[in-house]
Each structure stands twice: as C-alpha cells, then as structure tokens.
C-alpha cells in the first residue's frame, strides 16, 4: 500500500471507523503499560467505591488509541505534531468504543483532524490531532 500524502487529503475527508470492544484485560494491560497504578484502572471495587461503573480506560491509553487510529489510516510516515483531548465520560469493560475522525484543516503538509471516541451513541472523548504527511 502506498503511503498517504498531504496532496491526497482534503478538508471534509472522513476516516474509516475503528471498533474496539474493551475488556478488563485491555484496560488493565494498558494501565500497566503506561505505568498508571491508580486503583480505578485495575481494581473493580476501588472504581465502584469512587462512583464509577467499573475500572476505566486511562487517558494515556486513549491517546494511544487516537495515535494508532491516525497512523493506521495515514501510514507510518504520519508525524503526530500535537494532540489535545477532553474526556467527558469513562470507558469501562464491555464498552464498544468507536473511533471516528474527520479532516478539519490543511496547511500544506500539516493536517488537522477532529476525532471522537464514542460508546452507546454518546461521545465520551473528543480530540484534535495535528500531524504532518509527506508531499
């Protein structure tokens, strides 16, 4: 597959959806990989005592899924330059996370995408990612 170039990307392009079923194993493994030992990411009892539905996916893991989403679509040459996101609700085991994206700006090689992470038709995280692509 040929690498995606900046010339091939247009404002308004939509990225293909990514569907991930979150399991306790994925959430705990991701927390461990990011060295996040907060009990709400691996201890169901601690999470429910904190008022959550269960253990939750941490923010570095969400950043990782967003990065994977961009680079899977754009290719290995995509150079993530900045990312900002806002978590509005939590992802727990059993949630079907759907990642969606749309290109919202383009300035030569610099591409901006609006990304959402949703479950049960509700946007739980919204993000803006800027990345460079080769010409």
Protein backbone atom coordinates (compact mmCIF):
# COMPACT_ATOMS: atom_id res chain seq x y z
CA UNK A 1 0.00 0.00 0.00
CA UNK A 2 1.35 3.41 -0.99
CA UNK A 3 1.89 5.92 1.80
CA UNK A 4 -0.74 8.63 2.11
CA UNK A 5 0.47 12.07 1.03
CA UNK A 6 -0.72 15.51 2.07
CA UNK A 7 -1.83 16.16 -1.53
CA UNK A 8 -4.29 13.26 -1.29
CA UNK A 9 -6.01 14.59 1.85
CA UNK A 10 -8.87 17.10 1.65
CA UNK A 11 -10.82 19.03 4.27
CA UNK A 12 -14.00 17.09 4.97
CA UNK A 13 -12.46 13.66 4.35
CA UNK A 14 -13.75 11.13 6.84
CA UNK A 15 -11.58 8.39 8.25
CA UNK A 16 -12.87 4.82 8.47
CA UNK A 17 -14.34 3.85 11.83
CA UNK A 18 -12.32 1.78 14.27
CA UNK A 19 -14.31 -0.53 16.57
CA UNK A 20 -12.76 -1.79 19.80
CA UNK A 21 -14.51 -3.91 22.41
CA UNK A 22 -12.89 -3.02 25.69
CA UNK A 23 -12.23 -5.87 28.08
CA UNK A 24 -10.91 -5.68 31.63
CA UNK A 25 -7.70 -7.26 30.31
CA UNK A 26 -7.23 -4.49 27.71
CA UNK A 27 -7.90 -1.74 30.25
CA UNK A 28 -5.61 -3.22 32.92
CA UNK A 29 -2.85 -4.06 30.41
CA UNK A 30 -2.97 -0.51 29.04
CA UNK A 31 -2.78 0.98 32.54
CA UNK A 32 0.20 -1.24 33.35
CA UNK A 33 1.92 -0.37 30.07
CA UNK A 34 1.60 3.32 30.89
CA UNK A 35 2.71 2.69 34.50
CA UNK A 36 -0.57 4.08 35.83
CA UNK A 37 -1.13 2.30 39.13
CA UNK A 38 -4.24 4.24 40.18
CA UNK A 39 -6.67 1.61 41.55
CA UNK A 40 -9.57 2.87 39.37
CA UNK A 41 -7.73 1.39 36.37
CA UNK A 42 -7.32 -2.16 37.74
CA UNK A 43 -9.41 -2.66 40.90
CA UNK A 44 -13.16 -3.00 40.29
CA UNK A 45 -14.03 -2.48 43.96
CA UNK A 46 -11.96 0.71 44.22
CA UNK A 47 -13.51 2.01 41.00
CA UNK A 48 -17.09 1.39 42.12
CA UNK A 49 -16.35 2.93 45.53
CA UNK A 50 -15.19 6.01 43.60
CA UNK A 51 -18.62 6.17 41.94
CA UNK A 52 -17.61 4.63 38.60
CA UNK A 53 -19.33 1.80 36.72
CA UNK A 54 -16.11 -0.22 36.95
CA UNK A 55 -12.44 0.11 36.10
CA UNK A 56 -11.82 2.79 33.49
CA UNK A 57 -9.55 3.29 30.49
CA UNK A 58 -6.88 5.85 31.40
CA UNK A 59 -6.01 8.96 29.41
CA UNK A 60 -2.59 7.78 28.09
CA UNK A 61 -4.33 4.70 26.69
CA UNK A 62 -6.92 6.87 24.96
CA UNK A 63 -4.08 8.94 23.49
CA UNK A 64 -2.53 5.69 22.28
CA UNK A 65 -5.75 4.57 20.57
CA UNK A 66 -6.07 8.00 18.91
CA UNK A 67 -2.46 7.84 17.69
CA UNK A 68 -2.97 4.30 16.37
CA UNK A 69 -6.13 5.44 14.59
CA UNK A 70 -4.29 8.25 12.77
CA UNK A 71 -1.21 6.22 11.87
CA UNK A 72 -3.22 3.16 10.75
CA UNK A 73 -5.09 5.43 8.34
CA UNK A 74 -2.28 7.74 7.24
CA UNK A 75 0.63 5.32 7.38
CA UNK A 76 3.96 5.19 9.15
CA UNK A 77 5.06 8.50 7.63
CA UNK A 78 2.40 10.40 9.62
CA UNK A 79 4.21 12.57 12.16
CA UNK A 80 1.92 13.48 15.07
CA UNK A 81 2.74 17.07 16.00
CA UNK A 82 0.10 17.82 18.64
CA UNK A 83 -2.90 16.28 20.29
CA UNK A 84 -5.45 17.66 22.71
CA UNK A 85 -8.47 15.84 24.01
CA UNK A 86 -11.27 16.14 26.52
CA UNK A 87 -12.70 13.12 28.29
CA UNK A 88 -16.38 13.67 29.05
CA UNK A 89 -17.21 10.18 30.34
CA UNK A 90 -15.43 6.92 31.13
CA UNK A 91 -14.88 3.74 29.13
CA UNK A 92 -15.34 0.53 31.12
CA UNK A 93 -15.04 -3.20 30.37
CA UNK A 94 -17.69 -4.32 27.90
CA UNK A 95 -17.98 -0.92 26.24
CA UNK A 96 -17.79 -0.94 22.45
CA UNK A 97 -15.55 2.03 21.70
CA UNK A 98 -15.95 3.52 18.23
CA UNK A 99 -13.28 5.89 16.97
CA UNK A 100 -14.29 8.32 14.20
CA UNK A 101 -12.44 11.12 12.50
CA UNK A 102 -12.76 13.92 10.00
CA UNK A 103 -10.16 16.19 8.43
CA UNK A 104 -10.96 19.75 9.51
CA UNK A 105 -7.96 21.77 8.29
CA UNK A 106 -4.97 21.53 5.99
CA UNK A 107 -1.98 23.83 5.61
CA UNK A 108 0.48 22.32 3.16
CA UNK A 109 1.79 19.21 4.95
CA UNK A 110 0.09 19.96 8.29
CA UNK A 111 -3.24 18.16 8.62
CA UNK A 112 -5.77 18.68 11.43
CA UNK A 113 -8.31 16.01 12.33
CA UNK A 114 -11.24 16.06 14.71
CA UNK A 115 -11.51 12.67 16.45
CA UNK A 116 -14.26 11.26 18.65
CA UNK A 117 -14.33 8.18 20.86
CA UNK A 118 -17.92 7.04 21.40
CA UNK A 119 -19.89 4.28 23.02
CA UNK A 120 -23.65 3.74 23.08
CA UNK A 121 -24.10 6.66 20.65
CA UNK A 122 -22.53 9.08 23.14
CA UNK A 123 -19.25 10.89 22.52
CA UNK A 124 -17.09 10.20 25.56
CA UNK A 125 -13.85 11.77 24.34
CA UNK A 126 -13.26 14.42 21.70
CA UNK A 127 -9.82 15.20 20.33
CA UNK A 128 -7.98 17.42 17.89
CA UNK A 129 -4.84 15.99 16.31
CA UNK A 130 -2.35 17.78 14.09
CA UNK A 131 0.03 15.69 12.04
CA UNK A 132 2.34 16.11 9.08
CA UNK A 133 2.29 13.99 5.96
CA UNK A 134 4.85 13.87 3.15
CA UNK A 135 4.02 15.78 -0.05
